[in-house]
Amino acid sequence: MELTYERRGTGPPLVLMHGIGHHWRAWLPVMDLLADRHDVIAVDFPGFGSSPPFPSDTPYNAETAAFAIEEFWERLGVEQPHVAGNSLGGYVALDMASRGVVRSAVALSPAGFWSRTEFLYARTALRLLRRAASSTSEGTAAALMSSAVGRTACLGLLVADPARMADEELLLGTQALRSSAGFDDMLDSFTWMAPPAPPKVPVTIAWGDHDRLLPRRQAVRAGRWAQQRVKLLSGCGHVPMSDDPALVARIILETTGGRPA
């Protein structure tokens, strides 16, 4: 299956995976910071961004998403890369670490460490975000993003400070959410996601201390799973790459051994 991706830099391969409803461009703020140390590959999951949807006989879930990404990097000639993921991508990264198919994994606010109440809240919030994006024209979206109130209303669940995001990033993100063919089926597959098996390779879990979609208390459960302390990302929301690119890049490079520039 041909997936859309962006590739930059040289060094050990590092595959970046986005959250549900997002696209590879979520990683643009950090890609050049990582490309000095790694062959960085940011990819759209099947049915998200510009990647084609799964065939009709393939269900959307974290497992099929993981296998699709693994087949993708094998076609590129990549073997056992480092991986980093956000939200759904974070869960997939940890699943890969639990199966030992990667060198290391970084998970930023990964899904799967919620209580049932937190899970229902997150699923409802995501459905509302999707509905809002689907019912908003590009012109209306641009008007909303031009005001501080509009930005906060649309993005307050995802980033700590919507004012930091470039207009183009906001509009492309809204378009990606609106056009995600796999969104509803993937979200429906979250009827319940428990954490994967314990990791077989080094992992780092980091959580935005202003995450309003998957609140930071879930980091405690993630820490118990990983048997280590979770790093809190000061001043960051659910998509920390937009809030503090340098901090996110440092966390990733410390895990991969690439060292921060």
Protein backbone atom coordinates (compact mmCIF):
# COMPACT_ATOMS: atom_id res chain seq x y z
CA MET A 1 0.00 0.00 0.00
CA GLU A 2 1.46 3.35 -1.08
CA LEU A 3 1.42 5.88 1.77
CA THR A 4 2.12 9.60 1.63
CA TYR A 5 5.26 10.66 3.48
CA GLU A 6 7.94 13.30 3.83
CA ARG A 7 11.60 12.33 4.20
CA ARG A 8 14.49 14.51 5.31
CA GLY A 9 17.98 14.20 6.75
CA THR A 10 20.58 11.47 7.14
CA GLY A 11 21.45 9.01 9.86
CA PRO A 12 19.61 6.17 11.60
CA PRO A 13 15.99 6.03 10.37
CA LEU A 14 13.29 7.63 12.52
CA VAL A 15 9.61 7.16 11.59
CA LEU A 16 7.09 9.73 12.88
CA MET A 17 3.38 8.88 13.30
CA HIS A 18 0.53 11.33 13.86
CA GLY A 19 -2.70 11.20 15.86
CA ILE A 20 -6.21 10.40 14.69
CA GLY A 21 -7.55 12.96 12.23
CA HIS A 22 -4.14 14.52 11.70
CA HIS A 23 -1.46 14.10 9.04
CA TRP A 24 2.32 13.94 8.65
CA ARG A 25 2.53 17.74 8.67
CA ALA A 26 1.87 17.65 12.41
CA TRP A 27 5.60 16.89 12.65
CA LEU A 28 6.79 19.77 10.46
CA PRO A 29 7.80 21.96 13.45
CA VAL A 30 10.35 19.34 14.60
CA MET A 31 11.45 17.62 11.38
CA ASP A 32 14.42 19.83 10.60
CA LEU A 33 15.54 19.70 14.23
CA LEU A 34 15.66 15.90 13.95
CA ALA A 35 17.02 15.70 10.41
CA ASP A 36 20.53 16.72 11.50
CA ARG A 37 20.79 13.41 13.34
CA HIS A 38 18.34 11.09 11.59
CA ASP A 39 16.83 9.97 8.32
CA VAL A 40 13.40 11.32 9.32
CA ILE A 41 10.28 9.85 7.71
CA ALA A 42 6.90 11.37 8.64
CA VAL A 43 4.03 9.32 7.23
CA ASP A 44 0.25 9.56 6.86
CA PHE A 45 -1.64 6.54 8.22
CA PRO A 46 -3.94 4.80 5.71
CA GLY A 47 -7.15 6.82 5.38
CA PHE A 48 -5.57 9.97 6.84
CA GLY A 49 -3.89 12.96 5.29
CA SER A 50 -3.16 12.17 1.66
CA SER A 51 -2.74 8.40 2.08
CA PRO A 52 -5.38 6.18 0.45
CA PRO A 53 -7.85 4.35 2.69
CA PHE A 54 -7.56 0.70 3.62
CA PRO A 55 -9.20 -1.80 1.27
CA SER A 56 -12.82 -2.49 2.19
CA ASP A 57 -11.93 -5.84 3.76
CA THR A 58 -9.31 -4.34 6.12
CA PRO A 59 -10.63 -2.92 9.40
CA TYR A 60 -9.34 0.29 10.92
CA ASN A 61 -7.64 -0.26 14.27
CA ALA A 62 -4.28 0.30 15.91
CA GLU A 63 -3.02 -3.13 14.89
CA THR A 64 -3.75 -2.74 11.16
CA ALA A 65 -2.32 0.79 11.26
CA ALA A 66 0.90 -0.55 12.82
CA PHE A 67 1.29 -3.32 10.26
CA ALA A 68 0.65 -0.88 7.41
CA ILE A 69 3.46 1.37 8.65
CA GLU A 70 5.81 -1.60 9.06
CA GLU A 71 5.11 -2.76 5.49
CA PHE A 72 5.64 0.83 4.35
CA TRP A 73 9.12 1.16 5.83
CA GLU A 74 10.11 -2.29 4.57
CA ARG A 75 9.29 -1.12 1.03
CA LEU A 76 11.60 1.83 1.61
CA GLY A 77 14.38 -0.56 2.57
CA VAL A 78 14.31 0.52 6.23
CA GLU A 79 14.94 -2.04 8.94
CA GLN A 80 14.02 -1.63 12.60
CA PRO A 81 13.85 2.18 12.76
CA HIS A 82 13.39 4.37 15.78
CA VAL A 83 9.78 5.55 16.01
CA ALA A 84 7.93 8.43 17.62
CA GLY A 85 4.19 8.95 17.72
CA ASN A 86 1.56 11.29 19.09
CA SER A 87 -1.81 10.14 20.50
CA LEU A 88 -2.92 7.24 18.24
CA GLY A 89 0.60 7.30 16.79
CA GLY A 90 1.98 7.10 20.31
CA TYR A 91 -0.03 3.97 21.02
CA VAL A 92 1.17 2.44 17.76
CA ALA A 93 4.78 3.31 18.66
CA LEU A 94 4.43 1.55 22.02
CA ASP A 95 2.81 -1.46 20.36
CA MET A 96 5.81 -1.68 18.05
CA ALA A 97 8.13 -1.45 21.06
CA SER A 98 6.21 -4.25 22.78
CA ARG A 99 6.84 -6.49 19.76
CA GLY A 100 10.49 -5.47 19.45
CA VAL A 101 10.25 -4.41 15.79
CA VAL A 102 11.83 -0.99 16.41
CA ARG A 103 15.06 0.26 18.00
CA SER A 104 13.33 2.64 20.39
CA ALA A 105 9.98 4.39 20.76
CA VAL A 106 8.83 7.81 21.94
CA ALA A 107 5.13 8.25 22.70
CA LEU A 108 3.70 11.75 23.18
CA SER A 109 0.37 11.67 25.06
CA PRO A 110 -0.36 8.14 23.80
CA ALA A 111 -3.87 6.74 23.70
CA GLY A 112 -4.74 3.69 25.79
CA PHE A 113 -3.98 4.81 29.35
CA TRP A 114 -7.42 6.25 30.06
CA SER A 115 -10.11 5.27 32.53
CA ARG A 116 -13.48 4.41 31.00
CA THR A 117 -14.82 7.87 31.84
CA GLU A 118 -11.76 9.54 30.31
CA PHE A 119 -12.08 7.36 27.23
CA LEU A 120 -15.74 8.33 26.72
CA TYR A 121 -14.85 12.00 27.18
CA ALA A 122 -12.00 11.81 24.63
CA ARG A 123 -14.11 9.96 22.08
CA THR A 124 -16.96 12.47 22.42
CA ALA A 125 -14.55 15.42 22.14
CA LEU A 126 -12.98 13.96 19.00
CA ARG A 127 -16.37 13.40 17.40
CA LEU A 128 -17.30 17.01 18.09
CA LEU A 129 -14.03 18.25 16.60
CA ARG A 130 -14.61 16.14 13.51
CA ARG A 131 -18.20 17.39 13.18
CA ALA A 132 -17.09 21.00 13.52
CA ALA A 133 -14.38 20.55 10.87
CA SER A 134 -16.78 18.77 8.52
CA SER A 135 -19.42 21.49 8.77
CA THR A 136 -16.97 24.38 8.33
CA SER A 137 -16.06 25.71 4.91
CA GLU A 138 -12.50 26.81 4.19
CA GLY A 139 -13.58 30.44 4.21
CA THR A 140 -15.31 30.07 7.57
CA ALA A 141 -12.31 28.24 8.99
CA ALA A 142 -10.02 31.05 7.87
CA ALA A 143 -12.30 33.60 9.54
CA LEU A 144 -12.33 31.62 12.79
CA MET A 145 -8.55 31.31 12.83
CA SER A 146 -8.17 35.06 12.38
CA SER A 147 -9.49 35.70 15.89
CA ALA A 148 -8.02 34.64 19.25
CA VAL A 149 -11.45 33.46 20.43
CA GLY A 150 -11.94 31.37 17.30
CA ARG A 151 -8.53 29.77 17.58
CA THR A 152 -9.05 28.90 21.25
CA ALA A 153 -12.51 27.44 20.59
CA CYS A 154 -11.23 25.26 17.75
CA LEU A 155 -7.82 24.26 19.07
CA GLY A 156 -7.90 24.56 22.85
CA LEU A 157 -8.23 20.78 23.22
CA LEU A 158 -5.15 20.12 21.13
CA VAL A 159 -2.53 22.77 21.87
CA ALA A 160 -1.71 24.85 24.92
CA ASP A 161 -1.39 28.12 23.01
CA PRO A 162 -3.29 28.26 19.69
CA ALA A 163 -1.82 31.71 19.01
CA ARG A 164 1.59 30.14 18.33
CA MET A 165 0.36 28.13 15.35
CA ALA A 166 0.78 29.48 11.84
CA ASP A 167 -2.40 30.11 9.87
CA GLU A 168 -1.40 27.63 7.18
CA GLU A 169 -0.76 24.91 9.76
CA LEU A 170 -4.21 25.50 11.27
CA LEU A 171 -6.04 25.44 7.96
CA LEU A 172 -4.23 22.34 6.71
CA GLY A 173 -4.95 20.59 10.00
CA THR A 174 -8.65 21.42 9.72
CA GLN A 175 -8.70 20.16 6.15
CA ALA A 176 -6.97 16.92 7.20
CA LEU A 177 -9.53 16.33 9.96
CA ARG A 178 -12.43 17.06 7.60
CA SER A 179 -11.17 14.74 4.85
CA SER A 180 -9.91 11.80 6.96
CA ALA A 181 -11.61 8.82 5.32
CA GLY A 182 -10.56 6.52 8.16
CA PHE A 183 -11.54 8.78 11.07
CA ASP A 184 -14.95 7.35 12.00
CA ASP A 185 -13.97 3.70 11.63
CA MET A 186 -10.73 4.21 13.55
CA LEU A 187 -12.52 6.03 16.35
CA ASP A 188 -15.18 3.29 16.47
CA SER A 189 -12.39 0.74 16.92
CA PHE A 190 -11.48 2.47 20.18
CA THR A 191 -14.41 0.76 21.95
CA TRP A 192 -11.70 -0.08 24.42
CA MET A 193 -7.94 0.11 24.02
CA ALA A 194 -5.83 -1.28 26.81
CA PRO A 195 -2.08 -0.66 26.93
CA PRO A 196 0.04 -3.04 24.82
CA ALA A 197 2.34 -5.67 26.28
CA PRO A 198 5.46 -4.45 28.13
CA PRO A 199 8.16 -2.99 25.85
CA LYS A 200 11.15 -4.98 24.63
CA VAL A 201 13.18 -1.90 23.61
CA PRO A 202 13.88 1.50 25.21
CA VAL A 203 10.80 3.75 25.38
CA THR A 204 10.11 7.28 26.51
CA ILE A 205 6.62 8.50 27.29
CA ALA A 206 6.07 12.25 27.52
CA TRP A 207 2.90 14.17 28.31
CA GLY A 208 1.92 17.79 27.84
CA ASP A 209 1.10 19.31 31.21
CA HIS A 210 -1.70 21.29 29.49
CA ASP A 211 -3.17 18.32 27.62
CA ARG A 212 -6.95 18.86 27.66
CA LEU A 213 -7.88 15.86 25.52
CA LEU A 214 -5.98 13.15 27.40
CA PRO A 215 -5.38 14.81 30.80
CA ARG A 216 -1.94 14.48 32.37
CA ARG A 217 -3.20 12.19 35.16
CA GLN A 218 -3.12 9.43 32.54
CA ALA A 219 0.66 9.83 32.57
CA VAL A 220 0.74 8.11 35.98
CA ARG A 221 -0.74 4.95 34.48
CA ALA A 222 1.61 5.18 31.53
CA GLY A 223 4.54 5.41 33.93
CA ARG A 224 3.45 2.27 35.74
CA TRP A 225 3.20 0.46 32.40
CA ALA A 226 6.68 1.54 31.34
CA GLN A 227 8.06 1.11 34.86
CA GLN A 228 9.63 4.55 34.66
CA ARG A 229 8.74 8.17 35.23
CA VAL A 230 6.91 9.93 32.44
CA LYS A 231 8.42 13.21 31.28
CA LEU A 232 6.06 16.19 31.58
CA LEU A 233 6.30 18.72 28.76
CA SER A 234 5.92 22.13 30.36
CA GLY A 235 3.61 24.51 28.54
CA CYS A 236 2.49 21.87 26.02
CA GLY A 237 -0.89 20.50 25.04
CA HIS A 238 -1.98 17.27 23.38
CA VAL A 239 0.00 17.99 20.20
CA PRO A 240 3.25 19.24 21.77
CA MET A 241 5.15 19.50 18.48
CA SER A 242 3.25 22.74 17.82
CA ASP A 243 3.74 24.14 21.33
CA ASP A 244 7.46 23.53 21.88
CA PRO A 245 9.29 21.96 18.93
CA ALA A 246 12.73 22.24 20.55
CA LEU A 247 11.59 20.40 23.69
CA VAL A 248 9.94 17.62 21.72
CA ALA A 249 13.01 17.22 19.49
CA ARG A 250 15.24 17.00 22.56
CA ILE A 251 13.09 14.28 24.13
CA ILE A 252 13.21 12.25 20.92
CA LEU A 253 16.95 12.67 20.40
CA GLU A 254 17.73 11.75 23.99
CA THR A 255 15.83 8.48 23.44
CA THR A 256 17.31 7.61 20.05
CA GLY A 257 20.84 8.46 21.15
CA GLY A 258 21.08 11.14 18.49
CA ARG A 259 21.62 13.80 21.17
CA PRO A 260 19.99 17.19 20.83
CA ALA A 261 21.72 19.63 18.52
